[in-house]
N, C-alpha and C. Protein backbone atom coordinates (compact mmCIF):
# COMPACT_ATOMS: atom_id res chain seq x y z
N MET A 1 -1.28 2.98 -18.47
CA MET A 1 -2.65 3.30 -18.10
C MET A 1 -2.71 3.65 -16.62
N SER A 2 -3.39 4.74 -16.24
CA SER A 2 -3.46 5.14 -14.85
C SER A 2 -4.35 4.21 -14.06
N ARG A 3 -4.15 4.21 -12.71
CA ARG A 3 -4.96 3.37 -11.84
C ARG A 3 -6.42 3.82 -11.92
N LEU A 4 -6.68 5.16 -12.08
CA LEU A 4 -8.04 5.66 -12.16
C LEU A 4 -8.73 5.13 -13.40
N ALA A 5 -8.02 5.15 -14.54
CA ALA A 5 -8.59 4.63 -15.78
C ALA A 5 -8.88 3.15 -15.65
N SER A 6 -7.96 2.41 -14.99
CA SER A 6 -8.17 0.97 -14.81
C SER A 6 -9.41 0.72 -13.97
N ALA A 7 -9.65 1.57 -12.97
CA ALA A 7 -10.81 1.38 -12.12
C ALA A 7 -12.09 1.58 -12.92
N PHE A 8 -12.12 2.59 -13.83
CA PHE A 8 -13.29 2.81 -14.65
C PHE A 8 -13.54 1.64 -15.59
N ILE A 9 -12.46 1.09 -16.17
CA ILE A 9 -12.61 -0.06 -17.06
C ILE A 9 -13.15 -1.25 -16.31
N LEU A 10 -12.65 -1.48 -15.08
CA LEU A 10 -13.12 -2.60 -14.27
C LEU A 10 -14.60 -2.44 -13.97
N ALA A 11 -15.03 -1.22 -13.59
CA ALA A 11 -16.43 -0.99 -13.29
C ALA A 11 -17.30 -1.22 -14.52
N ALA A 12 -16.84 -0.75 -15.67
CA ALA A 12 -17.61 -0.93 -16.90
C ALA A 12 -17.74 -2.41 -17.24
N PHE A 13 -16.68 -3.18 -17.02
CA PHE A 13 -16.71 -4.61 -17.34
C PHE A 13 -17.69 -5.34 -16.44
N LEU A 14 -17.71 -4.94 -15.14
CA LEU A 14 -18.61 -5.60 -14.21
C LEU A 14 -20.07 -5.28 -14.52
N LEU A 15 -20.33 -4.07 -15.03
CA LEU A 15 -21.70 -3.67 -15.33
C LEU A 15 -22.18 -4.17 -16.68
N ALA A 16 -21.22 -4.45 -17.58
CA ALA A 16 -21.59 -4.79 -18.96
C ALA A 16 -22.53 -5.98 -19.08
N PRO A 17 -22.32 -7.12 -18.36
CA PRO A 17 -23.24 -8.24 -18.52
C PRO A 17 -24.68 -7.88 -18.20
N GLY A 18 -24.87 -7.07 -17.14
CA GLY A 18 -26.23 -6.68 -16.77
C GLY A 18 -26.86 -5.79 -17.82
N LEU A 19 -26.08 -4.90 -18.41
CA LEU A 19 -26.62 -4.01 -19.43
C LEU A 19 -27.00 -4.78 -20.69
N ARG A 20 -26.15 -5.76 -21.07
CA ARG A 20 -26.47 -6.53 -22.26
C ARG A 20 -27.72 -7.38 -22.04
N ALA A 21 -27.92 -7.83 -20.81
CA ALA A 21 -29.10 -8.65 -20.53
C ALA A 21 -30.38 -7.84 -20.71
N VAL A 22 -30.29 -6.53 -20.38
CA VAL A 22 -31.46 -5.68 -20.56
C VAL A 22 -31.69 -5.38 -22.02
N GLN A 23 -30.61 -5.18 -22.77
CA GLN A 23 -30.73 -4.76 -24.15
C GLN A 23 -31.08 -5.90 -25.10
N GLU A 24 -30.70 -7.13 -24.77
CA GLU A 24 -30.91 -8.25 -25.68
C GLU A 24 -32.23 -8.93 -25.35
N PRO A 25 -33.19 -9.01 -26.27
CA PRO A 25 -34.47 -9.66 -26.04
C PRO A 25 -34.26 -11.12 -25.68
N GLU A 26 -35.20 -11.65 -24.87
CA GLU A 26 -35.10 -13.03 -24.37
C GLU A 26 -35.01 -14.03 -25.51
N LYS A 27 -35.82 -13.86 -26.53
CA LYS A 27 -35.84 -14.83 -27.64
C LYS A 27 -34.51 -14.85 -28.36
N GLU A 28 -33.95 -13.67 -28.63
CA GLU A 28 -32.68 -13.61 -29.34
C GLU A 28 -31.57 -14.24 -28.51
N ARG A 29 -31.62 -14.05 -27.18
CA ARG A 29 -30.60 -14.64 -26.33
C ARG A 29 -30.70 -16.16 -26.34
N GLU A 30 -31.93 -16.70 -26.29
CA GLU A 30 -32.11 -18.15 -26.33
C GLU A 30 -31.61 -18.73 -27.64
N GLU A 31 -31.89 -18.04 -28.78
CA GLU A 31 -31.42 -18.52 -30.07
C GLU A 31 -29.89 -18.50 -30.12
N HIS A 32 -29.30 -17.46 -29.55
CA HIS A 32 -27.84 -17.35 -29.55
C HIS A 32 -27.22 -18.49 -28.73
N GLU A 33 -27.83 -18.80 -27.56
CA GLU A 33 -27.31 -19.87 -26.72
C GLU A 33 -27.45 -21.22 -27.41
N THR A 34 -28.55 -21.42 -28.16
CA THR A 34 -28.76 -22.68 -28.86
C THR A 34 -27.70 -22.88 -29.93
N ARG A 35 -27.43 -21.82 -30.70
CA ARG A 35 -26.42 -21.90 -31.76
C ARG A 35 -25.04 -22.15 -31.16
N ALA A 36 -24.79 -21.58 -29.99
CA ALA A 36 -23.46 -21.73 -29.38
C ALA A 36 -23.32 -23.06 -28.67
N GLY A 37 -24.43 -23.76 -28.50
CA GLY A 37 -24.39 -25.07 -27.84
C GLY A 37 -24.28 -24.96 -26.34
N GLY A 38 -24.62 -23.83 -25.75
CA GLY A 38 -24.57 -23.67 -24.30
C GLY A 38 -24.94 -22.26 -23.91
N SER A 39 -24.82 -21.94 -22.66
CA SER A 39 -25.18 -20.62 -22.17
C SER A 39 -24.04 -19.64 -22.37
N ALA A 40 -24.37 -18.52 -23.03
CA ALA A 40 -23.35 -17.49 -23.25
C ALA A 40 -23.04 -16.75 -21.96
N ALA A 41 -23.95 -16.87 -20.99
CA ALA A 41 -23.76 -16.13 -19.74
C ALA A 41 -22.71 -16.77 -18.85
N GLU A 42 -22.45 -18.10 -19.06
CA GLU A 42 -21.53 -18.79 -18.16
C GLU A 42 -20.14 -18.18 -18.13
N PRO A 43 -19.49 -17.94 -19.30
CA PRO A 43 -18.16 -17.31 -19.26
C PRO A 43 -18.20 -15.93 -18.61
N GLU A 44 -19.28 -15.19 -18.89
CA GLU A 44 -19.39 -13.86 -18.30
C GLU A 44 -19.52 -13.95 -16.79
N GLU A 45 -20.30 -14.92 -16.31
CA GLU A 45 -20.47 -15.08 -14.87
C GLU A 45 -19.15 -15.48 -14.21
N GLU A 46 -18.41 -16.37 -14.87
CA GLU A 46 -17.12 -16.78 -14.33
C GLU A 46 -16.15 -15.61 -14.28
N ALA A 47 -16.15 -14.79 -15.34
CA ALA A 47 -15.27 -13.62 -15.36
C ALA A 47 -15.65 -12.63 -14.27
N ALA A 48 -16.98 -12.43 -14.09
CA ALA A 48 -17.45 -11.51 -13.05
C ALA A 48 -17.06 -12.00 -11.67
N GLU A 49 -17.18 -13.33 -11.45
CA GLU A 49 -16.79 -13.89 -10.16
C GLU A 49 -15.29 -13.71 -9.91
N SER A 50 -14.50 -13.90 -10.97
CA SER A 50 -13.05 -13.74 -10.84
C SER A 50 -12.69 -12.30 -10.49
N LEU A 51 -13.34 -11.35 -11.17
CA LEU A 51 -13.08 -9.94 -10.90
C LEU A 51 -13.56 -9.55 -9.51
N GLU A 52 -14.70 -10.11 -9.10
CA GLU A 52 -15.21 -9.80 -7.77
C GLU A 52 -14.24 -10.27 -6.69
N ASP A 53 -13.59 -11.42 -6.92
CA ASP A 53 -12.62 -11.93 -5.95
C ASP A 53 -11.48 -10.96 -5.74
N LEU A 54 -11.13 -10.19 -6.79
CA LEU A 54 -10.04 -9.23 -6.68
C LEU A 54 -10.40 -8.06 -5.78
N THR A 55 -11.69 -7.87 -5.50
CA THR A 55 -12.11 -6.75 -4.65
C THR A 55 -12.20 -7.14 -3.18
N ILE A 56 -12.03 -8.44 -2.86
CA ILE A 56 -12.19 -8.93 -1.49
C ILE A 56 -10.82 -9.07 -0.83
N PRO A 57 -10.64 -8.53 0.39
CA PRO A 57 -9.36 -8.70 1.08
C PRO A 57 -9.01 -10.17 1.25
N GLY A 58 -7.72 -10.50 1.11
CA GLY A 58 -7.28 -11.88 1.22
C GLY A 58 -6.24 -12.06 2.31
N LYS A 59 -5.60 -13.21 2.31
CA LYS A 59 -4.62 -13.54 3.34
C LYS A 59 -3.47 -12.53 3.41
N PRO A 60 -2.96 -12.01 2.27
CA PRO A 60 -1.87 -11.03 2.36
C PRO A 60 -2.25 -9.80 3.18
N HIS A 61 -3.56 -9.46 3.22
CA HIS A 61 -3.97 -8.30 4.00
C HIS A 61 -3.81 -8.53 5.50
N GLU A 62 -3.82 -9.80 5.93
CA GLU A 62 -3.69 -10.09 7.35
C GLU A 62 -2.35 -9.59 7.90
N VAL A 63 -1.33 -9.54 7.05
CA VAL A 63 -0.02 -9.07 7.48
C VAL A 63 -0.09 -7.62 7.96
N LEU A 64 -0.97 -6.84 7.35
CA LEU A 64 -1.09 -5.43 7.69
C LEU A 64 -1.58 -5.20 9.11
N ALA A 65 -2.22 -6.22 9.70
CA ALA A 65 -2.76 -6.08 11.07
C ALA A 65 -1.65 -5.83 12.08
N GLY A 66 -0.41 -6.18 11.72
CA GLY A 66 0.71 -6.01 12.65
C GLY A 66 1.03 -4.57 12.99
N THR A 67 0.49 -3.60 12.21
CA THR A 67 0.74 -2.19 12.50
C THR A 67 -0.52 -1.46 12.96
N VAL A 68 -1.60 -2.21 13.21
CA VAL A 68 -2.84 -1.62 13.69
C VAL A 68 -2.78 -1.48 15.21
N GLY A 69 -3.15 -0.31 15.72
CA GLY A 69 -3.17 -0.09 17.16
C GLY A 69 -2.59 1.26 17.54
N GLU A 70 -2.37 1.43 18.85
CA GLU A 70 -1.78 2.65 19.39
C GLU A 70 -0.33 2.35 19.76
N TRP A 71 0.59 3.23 19.33
CA TRP A 71 2.01 2.93 19.47
C TRP A 71 2.79 4.11 20.06
N SER A 72 3.81 3.76 20.86
CA SER A 72 4.81 4.73 21.29
C SER A 72 6.03 4.57 20.38
N LEU A 73 6.60 5.69 19.96
CA LEU A 73 7.66 5.66 18.95
C LEU A 73 8.99 6.18 19.48
N THR A 74 10.05 5.56 19.01
CA THR A 74 11.39 6.12 19.11
C THR A 74 11.84 6.40 17.69
N LEU A 75 12.16 7.67 17.41
CA LEU A 75 12.56 8.09 16.06
C LEU A 75 14.04 8.44 16.05
N ARG A 76 14.74 7.92 15.05
CA ARG A 76 16.15 8.27 14.86
C ARG A 76 16.30 8.77 13.42
N VAL A 77 16.91 9.94 13.27
CA VAL A 77 17.06 10.56 11.96
C VAL A 77 18.53 10.91 11.73
N TRP A 78 19.02 10.52 10.55
CA TRP A 78 20.40 10.83 10.14
C TRP A 78 20.36 11.91 9.05
N SER A 79 21.16 12.95 9.20
CA SER A 79 21.22 14.00 8.17
C SER A 79 22.38 13.78 7.20
N ALA A 80 23.31 12.88 7.55
CA ALA A 80 24.45 12.58 6.68
C ALA A 80 24.85 11.12 6.91
N PRO A 81 25.40 10.48 5.89
CA PRO A 81 25.75 9.05 5.99
C PRO A 81 26.64 8.70 7.17
N GLU A 82 27.60 9.53 7.49
CA GLU A 82 28.56 9.22 8.56
C GLU A 82 28.22 9.91 9.87
N GLY A 83 27.10 10.62 9.91
CA GLY A 83 26.76 11.37 11.11
C GLY A 83 26.06 10.52 12.16
N GLU A 84 25.91 11.10 13.34
CA GLU A 84 25.19 10.45 14.43
C GLU A 84 23.70 10.80 14.31
N PRO A 85 22.83 9.87 14.64
CA PRO A 85 21.40 10.15 14.52
C PRO A 85 20.89 11.06 15.64
N VAL A 86 19.87 11.81 15.33
CA VAL A 86 19.15 12.60 16.34
C VAL A 86 17.95 11.77 16.77
N GLU A 87 17.83 11.51 18.06
CA GLU A 87 16.77 10.63 18.57
C GLU A 87 15.69 11.43 19.28
N THR A 88 14.45 11.15 18.94
CA THR A 88 13.30 11.78 19.59
C THR A 88 12.23 10.71 19.82
N THR A 89 11.13 11.12 20.40
CA THR A 89 10.02 10.20 20.63
C THR A 89 8.75 10.74 19.99
N GLY A 90 7.76 9.85 19.87
CA GLY A 90 6.49 10.26 19.27
C GLY A 90 5.44 9.19 19.49
N THR A 91 4.33 9.33 18.79
CA THR A 91 3.24 8.36 18.89
C THR A 91 2.70 8.06 17.49
N ALA A 92 1.99 6.96 17.38
CA ALA A 92 1.37 6.59 16.11
C ALA A 92 0.05 5.88 16.38
N THR A 93 -0.87 6.03 15.46
CA THR A 93 -2.15 5.33 15.53
C THR A 93 -2.42 4.68 14.18
N GLY A 94 -2.59 3.35 14.18
CA GLY A 94 -2.90 2.63 12.95
C GLY A 94 -4.30 2.05 13.02
N ARG A 95 -5.09 2.22 11.96
CA ARG A 95 -6.46 1.72 11.97
C ARG A 95 -6.84 1.21 10.59
N TRP A 96 -7.73 0.22 10.58
CA TRP A 96 -8.26 -0.29 9.32
C TRP A 96 -9.22 0.74 8.72
N ILE A 97 -9.21 0.85 7.39
CA ILE A 97 -10.18 1.70 6.68
C ILE A 97 -10.67 0.96 5.44
N LEU A 98 -11.78 1.41 4.90
CA LEU A 98 -12.35 0.89 3.66
C LEU A 98 -12.54 -0.63 3.70
N GLY A 99 -13.24 -1.07 4.75
CA GLY A 99 -13.57 -2.48 4.84
C GLY A 99 -12.37 -3.38 5.06
N GLU A 100 -11.41 -2.93 5.88
CA GLU A 100 -10.20 -3.68 6.19
C GLU A 100 -9.40 -4.04 4.93
N ARG A 101 -9.40 -3.11 3.99
CA ARG A 101 -8.57 -3.26 2.79
C ARG A 101 -7.26 -2.49 2.91
N PHE A 102 -7.26 -1.45 3.72
CA PHE A 102 -6.08 -0.61 3.90
C PHE A 102 -5.90 -0.28 5.38
N VAL A 103 -4.64 -0.02 5.75
CA VAL A 103 -4.34 0.46 7.10
C VAL A 103 -3.84 1.90 6.98
N GLU A 104 -4.49 2.79 7.70
CA GLU A 104 -4.10 4.20 7.74
C GLU A 104 -3.37 4.45 9.06
N THR A 105 -2.15 4.95 8.96
CA THR A 105 -1.35 5.23 10.16
C THR A 105 -0.97 6.70 10.19
N THR A 106 -1.25 7.33 11.31
CA THR A 106 -0.84 8.73 11.52
C THR A 106 0.29 8.75 12.55
N TYR A 107 1.30 9.57 12.27
CA TYR A 107 2.47 9.68 13.15
C TYR A 107 2.58 11.12 13.66
N GLN A 108 3.00 11.26 14.90
CA GLN A 108 3.25 12.58 15.48
C GLN A 108 4.51 12.51 16.33
N GLY A 109 5.31 13.56 16.25
CA GLY A 109 6.54 13.59 17.03
C GLY A 109 7.33 14.84 16.73
N GLU A 110 8.65 14.71 16.78
CA GLU A 110 9.54 15.83 16.52
C GLU A 110 10.74 15.33 15.73
N VAL A 111 11.11 16.05 14.68
CA VAL A 111 12.26 15.70 13.86
C VAL A 111 13.12 16.94 13.65
N MET A 112 14.38 16.84 14.01
CA MET A 112 15.32 17.95 13.86
C MET A 112 14.80 19.24 14.50
N GLY A 113 14.17 19.09 15.66
CA GLY A 113 13.67 20.26 16.39
C GLY A 113 12.38 20.83 15.86
N ARG A 114 11.76 20.15 14.90
CA ARG A 114 10.52 20.64 14.31
C ARG A 114 9.39 19.65 14.58
N PRO A 115 8.15 20.15 14.78
CA PRO A 115 7.02 19.24 14.94
C PRO A 115 6.88 18.38 13.69
N PHE A 116 6.59 17.10 13.91
CA PHE A 116 6.53 16.16 12.80
C PHE A 116 5.17 15.47 12.77
N GLU A 117 4.55 15.46 11.59
CA GLU A 117 3.31 14.73 11.37
C GLU A 117 3.44 13.98 10.05
N ALA A 118 2.93 12.78 10.01
CA ALA A 118 2.99 11.99 8.78
C ALA A 118 1.74 11.13 8.66
N LEU A 119 1.41 10.79 7.42
CA LEU A 119 0.25 9.94 7.14
C LEU A 119 0.67 8.88 6.14
N LYS A 120 0.46 7.61 6.53
CA LYS A 120 0.75 6.50 5.64
C LYS A 120 -0.52 5.67 5.43
N ILE A 121 -0.79 5.31 4.19
CA ILE A 121 -1.90 4.40 3.88
C ILE A 121 -1.31 3.23 3.11
N GLU A 122 -1.50 2.02 3.65
CA GLU A 122 -0.89 0.84 3.06
C GLU A 122 -1.93 -0.24 2.79
N GLY A 123 -1.75 -0.92 1.67
CA GLY A 123 -2.65 -2.01 1.30
C GLY A 123 -1.93 -3.05 0.47
N TYR A 124 -2.69 -4.02 0.00
CA TYR A 124 -2.14 -5.07 -0.86
C TYR A 124 -2.99 -5.12 -2.12
N GLU A 125 -2.34 -4.99 -3.28
CA GLU A 125 -3.04 -5.00 -4.57
C GLU A 125 -3.02 -6.41 -5.14
N LYS A 126 -4.19 -7.04 -5.20
CA LYS A 126 -4.27 -8.44 -5.60
C LYS A 126 -3.94 -8.65 -7.07
N VAL A 127 -4.17 -7.63 -7.91
CA VAL A 127 -3.88 -7.78 -9.34
C VAL A 127 -2.37 -7.87 -9.57
N SER A 128 -1.63 -6.93 -9.01
CA SER A 128 -0.16 -6.91 -9.20
C SER A 128 0.56 -7.78 -8.19
N GLU A 129 -0.19 -8.25 -7.16
CA GLU A 129 0.39 -9.08 -6.09
C GLU A 129 1.53 -8.35 -5.40
N GLU A 130 1.29 -7.07 -5.09
CA GLU A 130 2.29 -6.26 -4.42
C GLU A 130 1.65 -5.45 -3.29
N TYR A 131 2.45 -5.19 -2.27
CA TYR A 131 2.04 -4.23 -1.25
C TYR A 131 2.28 -2.83 -1.80
N VAL A 132 1.35 -1.92 -1.54
CA VAL A 132 1.45 -0.55 -2.04
C VAL A 132 1.13 0.40 -0.89
N SER A 133 1.93 1.44 -0.73
CA SER A 133 1.64 2.42 0.32
C SER A 133 1.96 3.82 -0.18
N THR A 134 1.30 4.79 0.43
CA THR A 134 1.60 6.20 0.16
C THR A 134 2.05 6.84 1.47
N TRP A 135 2.97 7.79 1.36
CA TRP A 135 3.51 8.47 2.54
C TRP A 135 3.51 9.97 2.28
N ARG A 136 2.98 10.72 3.25
CA ARG A 136 3.00 12.18 3.20
C ARG A 136 3.36 12.69 4.59
N ASP A 137 4.11 13.79 4.66
CA ASP A 137 4.41 14.39 5.96
C ASP A 137 4.51 15.89 5.83
N ASN A 138 4.62 16.56 6.99
CA ASN A 138 4.62 18.02 6.99
C ASN A 138 6.01 18.62 6.79
N LEU A 139 6.98 17.79 6.44
CA LEU A 139 8.32 18.29 6.16
C LEU A 139 8.54 18.57 4.68
N GLY A 140 7.51 18.32 3.86
CA GLY A 140 7.60 18.56 2.42
C GLY A 140 6.22 18.52 1.79
N THR A 141 6.19 18.72 0.49
CA THR A 141 4.92 18.71 -0.25
C THR A 141 4.81 17.49 -1.15
N TYR A 142 5.69 16.53 -0.95
CA TYR A 142 5.75 15.34 -1.79
C TYR A 142 4.70 14.30 -1.37
N THR A 143 4.44 13.38 -2.28
CA THR A 143 3.69 12.16 -1.99
C THR A 143 4.55 11.01 -2.50
N LEU A 144 5.01 10.17 -1.58
CA LEU A 144 5.81 9.02 -1.96
C LEU A 144 4.90 7.82 -2.16
N ILE A 145 5.07 7.11 -3.26
CA ILE A 145 4.28 5.92 -3.56
C ILE A 145 5.22 4.73 -3.58
N PHE A 146 5.05 3.85 -2.61
CA PHE A 146 5.90 2.68 -2.45
C PHE A 146 5.21 1.44 -3.00
N GLU A 147 6.01 0.56 -3.59
CA GLU A 147 5.52 -0.74 -4.04
C GLU A 147 6.56 -1.80 -3.68
N GLY A 148 6.08 -2.99 -3.29
CA GLY A 148 7.05 -4.02 -2.95
C GLY A 148 6.38 -5.31 -2.50
N THR A 149 7.19 -6.18 -1.94
CA THR A 149 6.72 -7.51 -1.53
C THR A 149 7.20 -7.81 -0.11
N CYS A 150 6.73 -8.94 0.42
CA CYS A 150 7.18 -9.35 1.75
C CYS A 150 8.06 -10.58 1.64
N GLY A 151 8.77 -10.89 2.72
CA GLY A 151 9.64 -12.05 2.73
C GLY A 151 8.86 -13.35 2.83
N ASP A 152 9.59 -14.45 2.99
CA ASP A 152 8.96 -15.77 3.00
C ASP A 152 7.89 -15.91 4.08
N ASP A 153 8.17 -15.39 5.28
CA ASP A 153 7.18 -15.50 6.36
C ASP A 153 6.37 -14.22 6.51
N CYS A 154 6.61 -13.25 5.64
CA CYS A 154 5.89 -11.97 5.62
C CYS A 154 6.02 -11.18 6.92
N ARG A 155 7.08 -11.44 7.68
CA ARG A 155 7.35 -10.61 8.85
C ARG A 155 8.08 -9.34 8.43
N GLU A 156 8.52 -9.30 7.18
CA GLU A 156 9.30 -8.18 6.68
C GLU A 156 8.79 -7.77 5.30
N ARG A 157 8.55 -6.47 5.12
CA ARG A 157 8.09 -5.95 3.82
C ARG A 157 9.11 -4.93 3.31
N THR A 158 9.53 -5.10 2.08
CA THR A 158 10.47 -4.17 1.46
C THR A 158 9.75 -3.42 0.35
N MET A 159 9.77 -2.09 0.44
CA MET A 159 9.04 -1.25 -0.51
C MET A 159 9.99 -0.21 -1.12
N ILE A 160 9.76 0.10 -2.39
CA ILE A 160 10.60 1.07 -3.10
C ILE A 160 9.74 2.20 -3.66
N ALA A 161 10.22 3.44 -3.53
CA ALA A 161 9.56 4.61 -4.13
C ALA A 161 10.62 5.47 -4.81
N THR A 162 10.19 6.30 -5.72
CA THR A 162 11.10 7.25 -6.36
C THR A 162 10.73 8.67 -5.91
N PHE A 163 11.73 9.54 -5.86
CA PHE A 163 11.48 10.93 -5.49
C PHE A 163 12.56 11.81 -6.12
N LYS A 164 12.27 13.09 -6.22
CA LYS A 164 13.24 14.03 -6.78
C LYS A 164 13.97 14.72 -5.63
N ASP A 165 15.29 14.59 -5.63
CA ASP A 165 16.10 15.23 -4.60
C ASP A 165 15.96 16.74 -4.71
N PRO A 166 15.55 17.43 -3.63
CA PRO A 166 15.29 18.88 -3.73
C PRO A 166 16.53 19.72 -4.00
N ILE A 167 17.72 19.15 -3.72
CA ILE A 167 18.95 19.92 -3.93
C ILE A 167 19.55 19.65 -5.32
N SER A 168 19.77 18.38 -5.63
CA SER A 168 20.39 18.03 -6.92
C SER A 168 19.39 17.95 -8.06
N LYS A 169 18.10 17.85 -7.72
CA LYS A 169 17.02 17.67 -8.71
C LYS A 169 17.11 16.32 -9.42
N GLN A 170 17.96 15.44 -8.90
CA GLN A 170 18.07 14.10 -9.48
C GLN A 170 16.91 13.22 -9.02
N GLN A 171 16.54 12.27 -9.88
CA GLN A 171 15.53 11.30 -9.51
C GLN A 171 16.21 10.18 -8.72
N LEU A 172 15.85 10.05 -7.47
CA LEU A 172 16.45 9.03 -6.61
C LEU A 172 15.40 8.04 -6.15
N ARG A 173 15.86 6.96 -5.54
CA ARG A 173 14.93 5.96 -5.00
C ARG A 173 15.10 5.87 -3.50
N ILE A 174 14.02 5.52 -2.84
CA ILE A 174 14.04 5.35 -1.40
C ILE A 174 13.45 3.99 -1.07
N LYS A 175 14.08 3.29 -0.13
CA LYS A 175 13.62 1.96 0.28
C LYS A 175 13.04 2.04 1.68
N GLY A 176 11.84 1.49 1.84
CA GLY A 176 11.22 1.41 3.16
C GLY A 176 11.14 -0.04 3.59
N LEU A 177 11.63 -0.33 4.78
CA LEU A 177 11.65 -1.70 5.30
C LEU A 177 10.84 -1.76 6.59
N THR A 178 9.70 -2.46 6.55
CA THR A 178 8.86 -2.64 7.73
C THR A 178 9.07 -4.06 8.25
N THR A 179 9.39 -4.18 9.53
CA THR A 179 9.65 -5.49 10.14
C THR A 179 8.77 -5.67 11.37
N LEU A 180 7.99 -6.75 11.39
CA LEU A 180 7.19 -7.08 12.56
C LEU A 180 8.11 -7.80 13.54
N THR A 181 8.61 -7.06 14.52
CA THR A 181 9.63 -7.59 15.43
C THR A 181 9.02 -8.38 16.58
N GLY A 182 7.73 -8.30 16.79
CA GLY A 182 7.05 -9.03 17.85
C GLY A 182 5.56 -8.82 17.77
N GLU A 183 4.82 -9.43 18.69
CA GLU A 183 3.37 -9.26 18.69
C GLU A 183 2.99 -7.82 19.01
N ASP A 184 3.83 -7.14 19.78
CA ASP A 184 3.51 -5.78 20.21
C ASP A 184 4.59 -4.78 19.82
N SER A 185 5.26 -5.04 18.71
CA SER A 185 6.30 -4.12 18.27
C SER A 185 6.58 -4.29 16.78
N TYR A 186 7.02 -3.21 16.16
CA TYR A 186 7.48 -3.27 14.77
C TYR A 186 8.48 -2.14 14.54
N SER A 187 9.22 -2.25 13.47
CA SER A 187 10.18 -1.20 13.13
C SER A 187 10.00 -0.79 11.68
N TYR A 188 10.40 0.44 11.39
CA TYR A 188 10.40 0.93 10.01
C TYR A 188 11.72 1.63 9.77
N GLU A 189 12.41 1.24 8.71
CA GLU A 189 13.68 1.85 8.35
C GLU A 189 13.60 2.44 6.95
N SER A 190 14.19 3.59 6.78
CA SER A 190 14.17 4.29 5.49
C SER A 190 15.60 4.45 4.99
N TYR A 191 15.83 4.07 3.72
CA TYR A 191 17.15 4.16 3.10
C TYR A 191 17.06 4.92 1.78
N ILE A 192 17.98 5.85 1.58
CA ILE A 192 18.12 6.51 0.28
C ILE A 192 19.05 5.66 -0.57
N LEU A 193 18.60 5.26 -1.76
CA LEU A 193 19.42 4.46 -2.66
C LEU A 193 20.17 5.42 -3.58
N MET A 194 21.47 5.54 -3.39
CA MET A 194 22.27 6.51 -4.11
C MET A 194 22.58 6.03 -5.53
N PRO A 195 22.88 6.96 -6.46
CA PRO A 195 23.17 6.60 -7.85
C PRO A 195 24.34 5.62 -7.99
N ASP A 196 25.30 5.65 -7.04
CA ASP A 196 26.45 4.75 -7.14
C ASP A 196 26.15 3.36 -6.59
N GLY A 197 24.90 3.11 -6.16
CA GLY A 197 24.52 1.80 -5.66
C GLY A 197 24.58 1.67 -4.15
N SER A 198 25.12 2.67 -3.49
CA SER A 198 25.20 2.61 -2.03
C SER A 198 23.86 3.00 -1.41
N GLU A 199 23.70 2.68 -0.11
CA GLU A 199 22.48 3.01 0.62
C GLU A 199 22.82 3.93 1.79
N PHE A 200 21.96 4.92 2.00
CA PHE A 200 22.13 5.84 3.11
C PHE A 200 20.88 5.74 3.99
N LYS A 201 21.07 5.21 5.20
CA LYS A 201 19.95 5.09 6.14
C LYS A 201 19.66 6.46 6.73
N ASN A 202 18.48 7.00 6.43
CA ASN A 202 18.17 8.34 6.91
C ASN A 202 17.14 8.38 8.04
N MET A 203 16.44 7.25 8.27
CA MET A 203 15.45 7.27 9.36
C MET A 203 15.21 5.86 9.89
N GLU A 204 14.96 5.78 11.18
CA GLU A 204 14.58 4.53 11.82
C GLU A 204 13.46 4.84 12.81
N LEU A 205 12.43 4.01 12.78
CA LEU A 205 11.29 4.21 13.66
C LEU A 205 11.02 2.90 14.40
N LEU A 206 11.03 2.95 15.72
CA LEU A 206 10.75 1.77 16.54
C LEU A 206 9.42 1.99 17.25
N ALA A 207 8.50 1.05 17.06
CA ALA A 207 7.16 1.19 17.63
C ALA A 207 6.89 0.11 18.67
N GLU A 208 6.41 0.54 19.82
CA GLU A 208 6.02 -0.38 20.90
C GLU A 208 4.54 -0.11 21.21
N ARG A 209 3.76 -1.18 21.29
CA ARG A 209 2.33 -1.01 21.53
C ARG A 209 2.09 -0.36 22.91
N ARG A 210 1.21 0.62 22.90
CA ARG A 210 0.87 1.31 24.15
C ARG A 210 -0.19 0.52 24.90
N SER A 211 -0.02 0.45 26.23
CA SER A 211 -1.00 -0.28 27.04
C SER A 211 -2.32 0.46 27.04
N GLN A 212 -3.43 -0.29 27.00
CA GLN A 212 -4.75 0.31 26.93
C GLN A 212 -5.18 0.82 28.30
């Protein structure tokens, strides 16, 4: 089932108790509650409260605050497993959106001699209990969708996405590792997970908070 379909089902479920209250006459509702030995609305109210809780940001969202702010970047990109990285600099801006449910980060810099722009939106899905992020940049037309969890102290988040290799056309996986290295710094590392089980580190991003 798609996330969009799930959202419609959730909305319909939340609205259903109110619609039934309008459609069911007061007398019939009272008779139904008497036969049932209690209020039929109680389970519905409890279910609605439980579903409403899923829409409210929780403690896992606090971890996302570590990437909010203005950042100076050091970018390292590897074009081959045994090659030397090409190092450049850039900037990033992370901000809360949608009622502090998601962090939107925009990146600007240079990669392999080309202007580089990227957009990441990251959040925490309370239903699946996973961190979820999307990544888009101007080096391709793809949208990467990452899902994963954080470590015991949540200073580190490991996310996995799938993508189609443009050369081999094989379906490959990519691992993104975000580490909160300090109050004013974090790092992001990207690894290609090869079919033979090996990992190829293709990008490293070091962020230092810019002074206001």
